[in-house]
Amino acid sequence: MKFVINKDKLRELNKTDSKDKKYTILLIDDELANLEALTRLLEEEYDVIKAENGFEALNILKDESCSKKINLIISDQRMPGMTGVELLKQTISIVPNAIRIILTGFMDVKDIIDSINEGHIYKFLLKPLEADELLISVKRALETYELKMKNIKLIDELKQTNKKLKKSEVYLSTIFNSVSDAILIHDFNGIIVNVNDTANRLYGYLHDELIGMSIKDIISKNSPYIYDDILKLINDRKKNKINTPVTLEAISIDKNHKEFWVESNSRAIIFNEQKAIIATVRDITERKNTELKSKEEALELEKLRTEFFANISHELRTPLNIILGVIQILRRDLLDKEKPIDKGKIINNIDIERQNCFRLLRLINNLIDSTKLDAGHFEIDMINCNIVSVVEEITLSVAGYISNNNINLIFDTDVEEKIIACDPDKIERIMLNLLSNCIKFTDDDGSIFVNIFDGEEYITLSVEDTGIGIPEEKVEIIFDRFRQVDKSFTRNYEGSGIGLSLVKSLVEMHDGTISVESKYGVGTKFTIKLPVKVLNKSKERVNISNNIINTCVEKINIEFSDIYKQHL
């Protein structure tokens, strides 16, 4: 039996109200590999006692110092000499309050029911099982144990109080109302006969308003369990002479008709010399909402994963199909001996192939960098340099391309020199990506503005366009990886939805921030703030404009490959 252990999830699952409280679990399995796997999975958060068979387990339980601290028993069913169910039946008289779980490959339904009734077994877990399934079951079992012990403690306190202080209702009421869980006592017709102060607060009624109401009035019609289900389970246990609590999750409703999830433990008692049912109720709405949110997030992640792979498939297929088509045309023309070779057409076709190779290279680079960022292996090479010169040279390097697309480019700065520590290559990538986005969504005769603003602690870079803008409800997802604002916008220009996410990561690696302002139909403005700080190495204060001029053409070809119209 192998388990994949998520330690963070293990810690989350085993958070309790009392952080210093430790539970003890007795594990029984005749297969040592299974026993060790279970031990490794549980021992970080719980005290674990191991036994290789039922007889060894019973010997351990005979030691009173061990049996007193055992809260949960988990046993394999099939073991030589004594089955798990047979063992757990014998443990009832030794550790009556412990919760019992059986691990089994298969059992007949009747055997399961008989085992539950006779062996007080909390749950059967079918093998093979996932680690998360076992961890959740252990968590729920210990929660049940805690509620059970609270219930037992409460009943014991009520009995002792009633016996010793029958005439002291004030004292009894103090204990009853000090319990943190809501307590409701009702007869077998469902009529409430007593409640504590917590119940009043939970349901929003005054004490006298709740008394005499039917328990059905505070159970929502949308609840998976209703009062009749609870009553049937209690009666079934009474017939089998079992007085353990019935634990259920249900939807309650308060005085203002607000629904909320509760976990209740109900059992039969004698109240005022009459048969009654006592229920301890705990609000678990927050837990349920968390479970629902986790489920919704998992579905959203699956949806994003599906959309991402569909988009990546399209991004790979489109340039490959174009390259293949051009190759076929070139091959056909070159094999046609009667047709003269048109060098201009050949060069044009080669340029088309080159452009689409750049598109593939851009996609692969983004995927690789995205993977490196996730793995924490993406590094930046910080040097002291004039950020104004860096941004200006990058902007000027694409000026011709932008002009050829009938778009105006305006660069302005309120400072001529500002030395900061940065990675010029990554700044170049950030600026090219933002400029390519501006070009994509700016029509002819539109404008792109690149501005630099000086500050004491931060240098501010802004890239603004007069393009189509972004709908207000979509602005918040603009930097999410694999997300595109709207497919109806982006189909005019290809894109994987990775670029702006990488830009944000690169800015943050410089300890900077990036934000976006946009108005649909008016334009979009990206604002980057980089901290003004330098390295303590004066020799690294360099002018890198020559490097940018020498290498920028190919980088522009790669970064602008999905909107390329004019070759540089």
Protein backbone atom coordinates (compact mmCIF):
# COMPACT_ATOMS: atom_id res chain seq x y z
CA MET A 1 0.00 0.00 0.00
CA LYS A 2 1.68 3.23 -1.18
CA PHE A 3 0.66 6.72 -0.19
CA VAL A 4 1.63 10.04 -1.78
CA ILE A 5 1.97 12.30 1.25
CA ASN A 6 1.23 16.01 0.94
CA LYS A 7 2.62 17.27 4.26
CA ASP A 8 1.13 20.74 3.93
CA LYS A 9 -2.29 19.21 3.39
CA LEU A 10 -1.65 16.82 6.29
CA ARG A 11 -1.00 19.75 8.61
CA GLU A 12 -4.06 21.60 7.32
CA LEU A 13 -6.28 18.55 7.82
CA ASN A 14 -5.06 18.05 11.38
CA LYS A 15 -5.48 21.55 12.73
CA THR A 16 -7.48 21.47 15.96
CA ASP A 17 -8.87 24.08 18.29
CA SER A 18 -6.31 23.00 20.84
CA LYS A 19 -2.96 23.27 19.12
CA ASP A 20 -1.05 21.39 21.81
CA LYS A 21 -3.41 18.39 21.85
CA LYS A 22 -2.05 15.10 20.49
CA TYR A 23 -4.11 12.06 19.58
CA THR A 24 -2.94 8.45 19.77
CA ILE A 25 -3.76 5.94 17.04
CA LEU A 26 -3.37 2.16 17.29
CA LEU A 27 -2.54 0.61 13.86
CA ILE A 28 -2.95 -3.13 13.23
CA ASP A 29 -1.87 -4.83 9.98
CA ASP A 30 -0.14 -8.16 9.43
CA GLU A 31 1.59 -6.83 6.30
CA LEU A 32 4.64 -4.92 7.51
CA ALA A 33 4.87 -2.81 4.34
CA ASN A 34 1.30 -1.58 4.83
CA LEU A 35 1.92 -0.99 8.53
CA GLU A 36 5.02 1.09 7.84
CA ALA A 37 3.25 3.07 5.09
CA LEU A 38 0.37 3.91 7.43
CA THR A 39 2.81 4.83 10.20
CA ARG A 40 4.82 7.20 7.98
CA LEU A 41 1.62 8.85 6.83
CA LEU A 42 0.27 9.52 10.32
CA GLU A 43 3.18 9.75 12.75
CA GLU A 44 4.06 13.40 12.06
CA GLU A 45 0.78 14.66 13.51
CA TYR A 46 -0.25 11.77 15.77
CA ASP A 47 1.26 9.39 18.30
CA VAL A 48 1.22 5.97 16.59
CA ILE A 49 1.30 2.54 18.27
CA LYS A 50 1.81 -0.44 15.92
CA ALA A 51 0.71 -4.07 16.13
CA GLU A 52 1.22 -6.83 13.56
CA ASN A 53 -1.89 -8.86 14.51
CA GLY A 54 -4.96 -8.86 16.73
CA PHE A 55 -3.34 -10.75 19.59
CA GLU A 56 -0.45 -8.28 19.81
CA ALA A 57 -2.97 -5.43 19.76
CA LEU A 58 -4.94 -6.93 22.68
CA ASN A 59 -1.73 -7.33 24.68
CA ILE A 60 -0.94 -3.66 24.10
CA LEU A 61 -4.44 -2.68 25.25
CA LYS A 62 -4.02 -4.69 28.44
CA ASP A 63 -1.42 -2.11 29.45
CA GLU A 64 -3.65 0.49 31.10
CA SER A 65 -1.15 3.30 30.43
CA CYS A 66 -1.51 2.58 26.68
CA SER A 67 -5.23 1.91 26.52
CA LYS A 68 -6.09 5.14 28.35
CA LYS A 69 -4.53 7.34 25.67
CA ILE A 70 -5.77 5.54 22.53
CA ASN A 71 -8.34 7.62 20.68
CA LEU A 72 -8.55 5.81 17.32
CA ILE A 73 -8.03 2.19 16.22
CA ILE A 74 -7.37 1.39 12.54
CA SER A 75 -7.23 -2.30 11.69
CA ASP A 76 -6.87 -4.38 8.56
CA GLN A 77 -9.74 -6.87 8.13
CA ARG A 78 -7.96 -9.95 6.82
CA MET A 79 -5.35 -11.11 9.33
CA PRO A 80 -4.34 -14.63 10.42
CA GLY A 81 -5.92 -15.91 13.61
CA MET A 82 -8.29 -13.01 14.18
CA THR A 83 -10.07 -10.71 11.72
CA GLY A 84 -10.20 -6.98 12.16
CA VAL A 85 -13.91 -7.04 13.07
CA GLU A 86 -13.34 -9.78 15.67
CA LEU A 87 -10.52 -7.74 17.19
CA LEU A 88 -12.51 -4.51 17.32
CA LYS A 89 -15.43 -6.28 19.05
CA GLN A 90 -13.05 -7.30 21.85
CA THR A 91 -11.71 -3.74 22.19
CA ILE A 92 -15.15 -2.31 23.08
CA SER A 93 -14.92 -3.30 26.72
CA ILE A 94 -11.29 -2.11 26.98
CA VAL A 95 -11.46 1.25 25.16
CA PRO A 96 -15.22 1.94 24.79
CA ASN A 97 -14.78 5.53 23.65
CA ALA A 98 -12.17 4.94 20.93
CA ILE A 99 -13.25 5.35 17.31
CA ARG A 100 -12.81 2.24 15.13
CA ILE A 101 -11.99 2.04 11.41
CA ILE A 102 -11.62 -1.09 9.29
CA LEU A 103 -9.46 -1.30 6.14
CA THR A 104 -10.83 -3.98 3.83
CA GLY A 105 -10.77 -5.07 0.20
CA PHE A 106 -14.39 -6.36 0.12
CA MET A 107 -17.15 -7.34 2.52
CA ASP A 108 -20.76 -8.35 2.14
CA VAL A 109 -23.24 -5.55 2.90
CA LYS A 110 -24.91 -7.64 5.64
CA ASP A 111 -21.50 -8.32 7.20
CA ILE A 112 -20.77 -4.58 7.18
CA ILE A 113 -24.09 -3.75 8.89
CA ASP A 114 -23.63 -6.51 11.47
CA SER A 115 -20.07 -5.35 12.11
CA ILE A 116 -21.16 -1.75 12.61
CA ASN A 117 -23.82 -2.81 15.11
CA GLU A 118 -21.69 -5.36 16.97
CA GLY A 119 -18.23 -3.85 16.68
CA HIS A 120 -19.12 -0.15 17.02
CA ILE A 121 -17.17 0.44 13.81
CA TYR A 122 -17.18 4.06 12.67
CA LYS A 123 -16.20 3.51 9.04
CA PHE A 124 -15.08 0.95 6.47
CA LEU A 125 -12.37 2.10 4.04
CA LEU A 126 -12.02 0.06 0.88
CA LYS A 127 -8.51 -0.74 -0.32
CA PRO A 128 -6.69 0.45 -2.29
CA LEU A 129 -7.22 3.96 -0.97
CA GLU A 130 -5.59 7.35 -1.54
CA ALA A 131 -3.62 9.09 1.18
CA ASP A 132 -6.00 12.08 1.18
CA GLU A 133 -8.98 9.77 1.66
CA LEU A 134 -7.37 8.18 4.72
CA LEU A 135 -6.24 11.54 6.16
CA ILE A 136 -9.72 13.02 5.79
CA SER A 137 -11.30 9.92 7.36
CA VAL A 138 -8.88 10.11 10.30
CA LYS A 139 -9.62 13.82 10.71
CA ARG A 140 -13.39 13.22 10.67
CA ALA A 141 -13.04 10.25 13.04
CA LEU A 142 -11.11 12.34 15.56
CA GLU A 143 -13.63 15.15 15.23
CA THR A 144 -16.32 12.57 15.99
CA TYR A 145 -14.24 11.37 18.94
CA GLU A 146 -13.95 14.95 20.21
CA LEU A 147 -17.68 15.54 19.87
CA LYS A 148 -18.38 12.17 21.45
CA MET A 149 -16.14 12.96 24.43
CA LYS A 150 -17.74 16.38 24.77
CA ASN A 151 -21.16 14.74 24.71
CA ILE A 152 -20.13 12.13 27.26
CA LYS A 153 -18.54 14.79 29.41
CA LEU A 154 -21.64 16.93 29.16
CA ILE A 155 -23.95 14.06 30.08
CA ASP A 156 -21.69 13.07 32.98
CA GLU A 157 -21.63 16.65 34.20
CA LEU A 158 -25.40 16.90 33.92
CA LYS A 159 -25.87 13.60 35.79
CA GLN A 160 -23.45 14.56 38.55
CA THR A 161 -24.94 18.02 38.84
CA ASN A 162 -28.47 16.64 38.93
CA LYS A 163 -27.52 14.07 41.55
CA LYS A 164 -25.54 16.38 43.84
CA LEU A 165 -27.40 19.62 43.26
CA LYS A 166 -30.97 18.74 42.36
CA LYS A 167 -32.20 21.88 44.05
CA SER A 168 -29.65 24.15 42.38
CA GLU A 169 -31.04 25.01 38.94
CA VAL A 170 -28.82 28.07 38.76
CA TYR A 171 -25.70 25.92 38.95
CA LEU A 172 -27.06 23.44 36.38
CA SER A 173 -28.03 26.26 34.06
CA THR A 174 -24.54 27.77 34.30
CA ILE A 175 -22.91 24.53 33.20
CA PHE A 176 -25.51 23.91 30.49
CA ASN A 177 -25.10 27.37 29.02
CA SER A 178 -21.31 27.46 29.20
CA VAL A 179 -20.94 24.80 26.52
CA SER A 180 -19.60 26.31 23.28
CA ASP A 181 -21.77 24.06 21.07
CA ALA A 182 -25.52 24.58 20.78
CA ILE A 183 -27.54 22.02 22.76
CA LEU A 184 -31.15 21.20 22.00
CA ILE A 185 -33.25 18.69 23.92
CA HIS A 186 -36.47 17.53 22.27
CA ASP A 187 -38.96 14.74 22.69
CA PHE A 188 -39.51 11.90 20.21
CA ASN A 189 -42.19 13.97 18.45
CA GLY A 190 -39.57 16.61 17.71
CA ILE A 191 -40.89 19.23 20.17
CA ILE A 192 -38.05 21.22 21.74
CA VAL A 193 -38.14 21.12 25.56
CA ASN A 194 -34.86 22.81 26.45
CA VAL A 195 -31.96 24.66 24.82
CA ASN A 196 -28.82 26.42 25.97
CA ASP A 197 -27.78 30.01 25.35
CA THR A 198 -25.54 29.01 22.43
CA ALA A 199 -28.58 27.54 20.66
CA ASN A 200 -30.46 30.80 21.18
CA ARG A 201 -27.61 32.73 19.56
CA LEU A 202 -27.13 30.20 16.75
CA TYR A 203 -30.76 30.20 15.65
CA GLY A 204 -31.57 33.80 16.55
CA TYR A 205 -34.53 33.02 18.82
CA LEU A 206 -35.22 33.90 22.42
CA HIS A 207 -35.18 30.96 24.81
CA ASP A 208 -38.98 30.93 25.25
CA GLU A 209 -39.49 31.14 21.47
CA LEU A 210 -37.52 27.96 20.86
CA ILE A 211 -39.24 26.01 23.64
CA GLY A 212 -42.28 24.32 22.14
CA MET A 213 -41.14 24.70 18.54
CA SER A 214 -40.71 21.61 16.40
CA ILE A 215 -37.16 20.62 15.53
CA LYS A 216 -38.45 20.45 11.94
CA ASP A 217 -38.87 24.24 11.99
CA ILE A 218 -35.11 24.78 12.22
CA ILE A 219 -34.13 22.19 9.59
CA SER A 220 -34.10 23.51 6.03
CA LYS A 221 -36.10 21.78 3.30
CA ASN A 222 -32.83 21.73 1.34
CA SER A 223 -31.09 19.66 4.02
CA PRO A 224 -29.74 16.25 2.97
CA TYR A 225 -31.11 14.91 6.28
CA ILE A 226 -34.42 15.75 7.91
CA TYR A 227 -35.74 15.04 11.39
CA ASP A 228 -37.38 11.75 10.39
CA ASP A 229 -33.98 10.44 9.24
CA ILE A 230 -32.40 11.30 12.59
CA LEU A 231 -35.26 9.71 14.52
CA LYS A 232 -35.07 6.52 12.45
CA LEU A 233 -31.33 6.16 13.04
CA ILE A 234 -31.73 6.69 16.80
CA ASN A 235 -34.57 4.16 17.00
CA ASP A 236 -32.56 1.62 15.00
CA ARG A 237 -29.69 1.96 17.46
CA LYS A 238 -32.04 1.66 20.43
CA LYS A 239 -33.42 -1.61 19.03
CA ASN A 240 -29.87 -2.91 18.77
CA LYS A 241 -29.10 -1.63 22.28
CA ILE A 242 -26.56 0.86 20.94
CA ASN A 243 -26.54 4.28 22.55
CA THR A 244 -23.74 5.89 20.57
CA PRO A 245 -24.51 9.33 19.08
CA VAL A 246 -25.92 9.74 15.58
CA THR A 247 -23.60 12.17 13.80
CA LEU A 248 -25.00 13.95 10.74
CA GLU A 249 -24.38 17.03 8.63
CA ALA A 250 -27.53 18.99 7.86
CA ILE A 251 -28.70 22.42 6.73
CA SER A 252 -30.35 24.45 9.48
CA ILE A 253 -32.38 27.64 9.18
CA ASP A 254 -32.48 30.52 11.66
CA LYS A 255 -35.23 32.97 12.60
CA ASN A 256 -34.36 35.20 9.62
CA HIS A 257 -34.65 32.21 7.25
CA LYS A 258 -30.88 32.18 6.71
CA GLU A 259 -29.55 28.70 5.91
CA PHE A 260 -26.30 27.39 7.38
CA TRP A 261 -24.57 24.01 7.67
CA VAL A 262 -24.37 22.23 11.03
CA GLU A 263 -22.89 19.03 12.36
CA SER A 264 -25.09 17.43 15.01
CA ASN A 265 -24.57 14.60 17.47
CA SER A 266 -27.89 13.16 18.70
CA ARG A 267 -28.62 10.41 21.18
CA ALA A 268 -31.48 9.20 23.34
CA ILE A 269 -31.57 10.32 27.00
CA ILE A 270 -34.00 10.60 29.92
CA PHE A 271 -34.94 14.23 30.56
CA ASN A 272 -37.34 15.14 33.36
CA GLU A 273 -38.18 11.43 33.65
CA GLN A 274 -39.26 11.36 30.00
CA LYS A 275 -37.60 9.82 26.96
CA ALA A 276 -35.94 12.54 24.92
CA ILE A 277 -33.16 13.25 22.45
CA ILE A 278 -30.23 15.54 23.14
CA ALA A 279 -28.43 17.08 20.18
CA THR A 280 -25.15 19.00 20.28
CA VAL A 281 -24.94 21.22 17.22
CA ARG A 282 -21.93 22.98 15.72
CA ASP A 283 -21.91 25.53 12.88
CA ILE A 284 -19.71 24.14 10.07
CA THR A 285 -20.70 26.62 7.36
CA GLU A 286 -17.16 27.94 7.02
CA ARG A 287 -15.79 24.44 6.56
CA LYS A 288 -18.44 23.63 3.97
CA ASN A 289 -17.77 26.87 2.10
CA THR A 290 -14.07 26.05 2.07
CA GLU A 291 -14.79 22.60 0.67
CA LEU A 292 -17.07 24.12 -1.98
CA LYS A 293 -14.49 26.77 -2.86
CA SER A 294 -11.79 24.11 -3.21
CA LYS A 295 -14.04 22.13 -5.52
CA GLU A 296 -14.82 25.20 -7.63
CA GLU A 297 -11.14 26.12 -7.81
CA ALA A 298 -10.29 22.60 -8.94
CA LEU A 299 -12.93 22.81 -11.68
CA GLU A 300 -11.63 26.23 -12.74
CA LEU A 301 -8.06 24.93 -12.87
CA GLU A 302 -9.20 21.99 -14.98
CA LYS A 303 -11.03 24.38 -17.30
CA LEU A 304 -7.94 26.58 -17.60
CA ARG A 305 -5.77 23.54 -18.24
CA THR A 306 -8.07 22.38 -21.04
CA GLU A 307 -8.21 25.87 -22.59
CA PHE A 308 -4.45 26.24 -22.28
CA PHE A 309 -3.66 22.99 -24.09
CA ALA A 310 -6.20 23.81 -26.78
CA ASN A 311 -4.60 27.24 -27.22
CA ILE A 312 -1.04 25.90 -27.21
CA SER A 313 -2.04 23.26 -29.78
CA HIS A 314 -3.39 26.05 -31.98
CA GLU A 315 -0.26 28.17 -31.43
CA LEU A 316 1.98 25.27 -32.46
CA ARG A 317 -0.17 24.03 -35.32
CA THR A 318 -0.71 27.39 -37.06
CA PRO A 319 2.95 28.32 -37.78
CA LEU A 320 3.84 24.70 -38.53
CA ASN A 321 1.04 24.50 -41.10
CA ILE A 322 2.22 27.77 -42.67
CA ILE A 323 5.84 26.57 -42.80
CA LEU A 324 4.76 23.24 -44.31
CA GLY A 325 2.59 25.02 -46.88
CA VAL A 326 5.41 27.36 -47.93
CA ILE A 327 7.84 24.42 -48.22
CA GLN A 328 5.39 22.61 -50.47
CA ILE A 329 5.03 25.72 -52.68
CA LEU A 330 8.83 26.16 -52.88
CA ARG A 331 9.32 22.49 -53.72
CA ARG A 332 6.66 22.61 -56.41
CA ASP A 333 8.12 25.75 -58.01
CA LEU A 334 11.69 24.46 -57.90
CA LEU A 335 10.70 21.12 -59.47
CA ASP A 336 8.80 22.86 -62.28
CA LYS A 337 11.57 23.07 -64.94
CA GLU A 338 9.38 24.93 -67.39
CA LYS A 339 8.65 27.73 -64.95
CA PRO A 340 11.41 30.34 -64.42
CA ILE A 341 12.66 30.78 -60.86
CA ASP A 342 11.20 33.87 -59.22
CA LYS A 343 13.84 34.91 -56.66
CA GLY A 344 11.60 37.59 -55.20
CA LYS A 345 8.85 35.06 -54.55
CA ILE A 346 11.36 32.62 -53.03
CA ILE A 347 12.75 35.31 -50.68
CA ASN A 348 9.20 36.28 -49.68
CA ASN A 349 8.36 32.63 -48.90
CA ILE A 350 11.59 32.26 -46.90
CA ASP A 351 10.65 35.39 -44.94
CA ILE A 352 7.25 33.83 -44.16
CA GLU A 353 8.99 30.68 -42.91
CA ARG A 354 11.43 32.79 -40.87
CA GLN A 355 8.61 34.76 -39.27
CA ASN A 356 6.74 31.60 -38.24
CA CYS A 357 9.94 30.05 -36.90
CA PHE A 358 10.23 33.16 -34.72
CA ARG A 359 6.64 32.58 -33.57
CA LEU A 360 7.50 29.03 -32.54
CA LEU A 361 10.70 30.20 -30.84
CA ARG A 362 8.76 32.86 -28.90
CA LEU A 363 6.21 30.32 -27.70
CA ILE A 364 8.90 27.82 -26.66
CA ASN A 365 10.93 30.54 -24.88
CA ASN A 366 7.85 31.64 -22.95
CA LEU A 367 6.99 28.06 -21.97
CA ILE A 368 10.56 27.36 -20.84
CA ASP A 369 10.77 30.59 -18.84
CA SER A 370 7.37 29.94 -17.30
CA THR A 371 8.54 26.49 -16.20
CA LYS A 372 11.79 27.93 -14.80
CA LEU A 373 9.84 30.52 -12.81
CA ASP A 374 7.61 27.81 -11.32
CA ALA A 375 10.68 25.75 -10.38
CA GLY A 376 12.54 28.77 -8.95
CA HIS A 377 15.39 28.38 -11.46
CA PHE A 378 14.88 31.63 -13.36
CA GLU A 379 17.72 34.03 -12.59
CA ILE A 380 18.37 37.68 -13.34
CA ASP A 381 21.80 39.29 -13.77
CA MET A 382 21.68 42.65 -11.99
CA ILE A 383 24.12 45.40 -12.93
CA ASN A 384 24.24 49.15 -12.34
CA CYS A 385 23.16 50.98 -15.49
CA ASN A 386 21.30 54.03 -16.76
CA ILE A 387 17.70 52.84 -16.97
CA VAL A 388 16.75 55.89 -19.04
CA SER A 389 19.22 54.94 -21.78
CA VAL A 390 18.09 51.32 -21.69
CA VAL A 391 14.41 52.17 -22.16
CA GLU A 392 15.15 54.89 -24.74
CA GLU A 393 17.32 52.60 -26.89
CA ILE A 394 14.72 49.83 -26.79
CA THR A 395 11.98 52.28 -27.76
CA LEU A 396 14.02 53.78 -30.61
CA SER A 397 14.89 50.30 -31.90
CA VAL A 398 11.22 49.61 -32.70
CA ALA A 399 10.38 53.11 -33.93
CA GLY A 400 10.76 52.18 -37.62
CA TYR A 401 8.59 49.12 -37.26
CA ILE A 402 5.85 51.07 -35.45
CA SER A 403 6.01 53.85 -38.06
CA ASN A 404 5.64 51.32 -40.89
CA ASN A 405 2.41 50.20 -39.23
CA ASN A 406 1.04 53.77 -39.36
CA ILE A 407 1.23 54.26 -35.59
CA ASN A 408 2.77 57.28 -33.86
CA LEU A 409 5.44 56.64 -31.20
CA ILE A 410 6.15 59.33 -28.58
CA PHE A 411 8.97 58.93 -26.05
CA ASP A 412 9.42 61.40 -23.17
CA THR A 413 11.40 61.48 -19.94
CA ASP A 414 11.78 64.02 -17.16
CA VAL A 415 15.28 62.78 -16.30
CA GLU A 416 18.27 62.14 -18.58
CA GLU A 417 20.14 59.72 -16.34
CA LYS A 418 19.09 57.41 -13.52
CA ILE A 419 21.47 54.71 -12.38
CA ILE A 420 19.71 51.68 -10.85
CA ALA A 421 20.46 47.99 -10.44
CA CYS A 422 18.60 45.96 -13.05
CA ASP A 423 18.98 43.24 -15.65
CA PRO A 424 19.00 45.05 -19.04
CA ASP A 425 18.07 41.90 -20.95
CA LYS A 426 14.98 41.40 -18.81
CA ILE A 427 14.04 45.10 -19.03
CA GLU A 428 14.32 44.76 -22.80
CA ARG A 429 12.02 41.75 -22.75
CA ILE A 430 9.49 43.58 -20.59
CA MET A 431 9.44 46.64 -22.86
CA LEU A 432 9.25 44.64 -26.11
CA ASN A 433 6.38 42.58 -24.78
CA LEU A 434 4.41 45.66 -23.68
CA LEU A 435 5.14 47.48 -26.97
CA SER A 436 4.05 44.44 -29.01
CA ASN A 437 0.76 44.37 -27.08
CA CYS A 438 0.25 48.06 -27.82
CA ILE A 439 0.88 47.51 -31.54
CA LYS A 440 -1.52 44.55 -31.64
CA PHE A 441 -4.48 46.51 -30.43
CA THR A 442 -3.82 50.00 -31.85
CA ASP A 443 -5.36 50.93 -35.20
CA ASP A 444 -3.78 53.03 -37.96
CA ASP A 445 -3.11 56.66 -36.98
CA GLY A 446 -3.16 55.66 -33.32
CA SER A 447 -0.41 56.52 -30.84
CA ILE A 448 1.90 54.76 -28.37
CA PHE A 449 3.46 56.76 -25.51
CA VAL A 450 6.56 55.68 -23.57
CA ASN A 451 7.30 57.88 -20.53
CA ILE A 452 9.83 57.87 -17.70
CA PHE A 453 9.15 59.69 -14.43
CA ASP A 454 11.79 60.22 -11.76
CA GLY A 455 11.13 59.61 -8.07
CA GLU A 456 13.17 59.44 -4.89
CA GLU A 457 12.49 55.79 -4.15
CA TYR A 458 11.12 54.54 -7.48
CA ILE A 459 11.63 55.19 -11.18
CA THR A 460 8.33 54.94 -13.06
CA LEU A 461 8.03 53.60 -16.64
CA SER A 462 4.73 53.83 -18.48
CA VAL A 463 3.66 52.36 -21.83
CA GLU A 464 0.34 53.69 -23.08
CA ASP A 465 -1.67 53.24 -26.29
CA THR A 466 -4.84 54.59 -27.87
CA GLY A 467 -6.03 51.12 -28.84
CA ILE A 468 -9.25 49.21 -28.23
CA GLY A 469 -8.74 48.99 -24.45
CA ILE A 470 -9.82 46.27 -22.05
CA PRO A 471 -13.34 45.79 -20.61
CA GLU A 472 -13.42 46.74 -16.93
CA GLU A 473 -14.45 43.26 -15.77
CA LYS A 474 -11.46 41.71 -17.58
CA VAL A 475 -8.70 43.98 -16.23
CA GLU A 476 -8.18 41.84 -13.11
CA ILE A 477 -7.18 38.75 -15.16
CA ILE A 478 -4.79 40.54 -17.53
CA PHE A 479 -1.68 39.20 -15.74
CA ASP A 480 -3.06 35.69 -15.08
CA ARG A 481 -1.04 33.02 -16.81
CA PHE A 482 -2.70 31.24 -19.75
CA ARG A 483 -5.61 33.68 -19.62
CA GLN A 484 -6.59 35.93 -22.52
CA VAL A 485 -8.88 38.90 -22.10
CA ASP A 486 -11.32 37.80 -24.79
CA LYS A 487 -10.87 35.39 -27.64
CA SER A 488 -12.89 37.68 -29.91
CA PHE A 489 -10.14 40.30 -29.43
CA THR A 490 -7.10 38.07 -29.66
CA ARG A 491 -7.92 36.01 -32.71
CA ASN A 492 -6.72 38.86 -34.93
CA TYR A 493 -3.30 38.32 -33.37
CA GLU A 494 -2.01 35.04 -32.01
CA GLY A 495 -0.90 34.61 -28.41
CA SER A 496 -0.57 31.93 -25.73
CA GLY A 497 -1.63 34.07 -22.78
CA ILE A 498 1.81 33.71 -21.15
CA GLY A 499 3.53 36.98 -22.11
CA LEU A 500 2.02 39.46 -19.63
CA SER A 501 2.28 36.90 -16.83
CA LEU A 502 6.03 36.66 -17.53
CA VAL A 503 6.28 40.46 -17.64
CA LYS A 504 4.73 40.66 -14.17
CA SER A 505 7.13 38.00 -12.84
CA LEU A 506 10.17 39.77 -14.35
CA VAL A 507 9.12 43.10 -12.83
CA GLU A 508 8.60 41.48 -9.42
CA MET A 509 12.06 39.85 -9.63
CA HIS A 510 13.38 43.42 -9.75
CA ASP A 511 11.37 44.12 -6.54
CA GLY A 512 9.10 46.29 -8.68
CA THR A 513 5.38 46.45 -9.39
CA ILE A 514 3.27 46.61 -12.54
CA SER A 515 -0.30 47.83 -12.86
CA VAL A 516 -2.73 48.44 -15.70
CA GLU A 517 -5.36 51.08 -16.34
CA SER A 518 -7.71 50.71 -19.27
CA LYS A 519 -10.90 52.10 -20.70
CA TYR A 520 -12.68 50.11 -23.34
CA GLY A 521 -12.59 51.93 -26.68
CA VAL A 522 -10.07 54.52 -25.42
CA GLY A 523 -6.81 52.71 -24.67
CA THR A 524 -4.60 50.97 -22.12
CA LYS A 525 -1.74 52.13 -19.89
CA PHE A 526 0.82 49.85 -18.20
CA THR A 527 2.79 51.40 -15.32
CA ILE A 528 5.99 49.88 -13.94
CA LYS A 529 7.68 51.05 -10.74
CA LEU A 530 11.29 49.93 -10.17
CA PRO A 531 13.15 50.66 -6.91
CA VAL A 532 16.04 53.13 -7.09
CA LYS A 533 18.89 51.08 -5.67
CA VAL A 534 22.41 50.29 -6.83
CA LEU A 535 24.91 47.51 -6.30
CA ASN A 536 28.02 48.22 -4.24
CA LYS A 537 30.27 47.62 -7.27
CA SER A 538 31.16 50.76 -9.16
CA LYS A 539 32.70 48.81 -12.04
CA GLU A 540 29.27 47.51 -12.97
CA ARG A 541 28.02 50.99 -13.86
CA VAL A 542 28.06 50.55 -17.64
CA ASN A 543 26.43 51.87 -20.77
CA ILE A 544 24.75 49.01 -22.53
CA SER A 545 23.18 50.81 -25.48
CA ASN A 546 25.58 49.15 -27.96
CA ASN A 547 24.52 45.71 -26.77
CA ILE A 548 20.87 46.63 -27.26
CA ILE A 549 21.50 47.94 -30.79
CA ASN A 550 23.42 44.79 -31.74
CA THR A 551 20.93 42.24 -30.36
CA CYS A 552 17.55 43.96 -30.44
CA VAL A 553 16.62 43.26 -34.08
CA GLU A 554 16.36 39.51 -33.61
CA LYS A 555 14.57 39.92 -30.28
CA ILE A 556 12.04 42.25 -31.92
CA ASN A 557 11.51 39.70 -34.67
CA ILE A 558 10.81 37.05 -32.03
CA GLU A 559 8.67 39.21 -29.72
CA PHE A 560 6.63 40.74 -32.57
CA SER A 561 6.35 37.50 -34.59
CA ASP A 562 2.60 37.11 -34.03
CA ILE A 563 1.86 40.58 -35.51
CA TYR A 564 4.77 40.86 -37.93
CA LYS A 565 4.12 42.90 -41.07
CA GLN A 566 7.42 44.62 -41.88
CA HIS A 567 10.75 42.72 -41.62
CA LEU A 568 13.54 44.56 -39.84
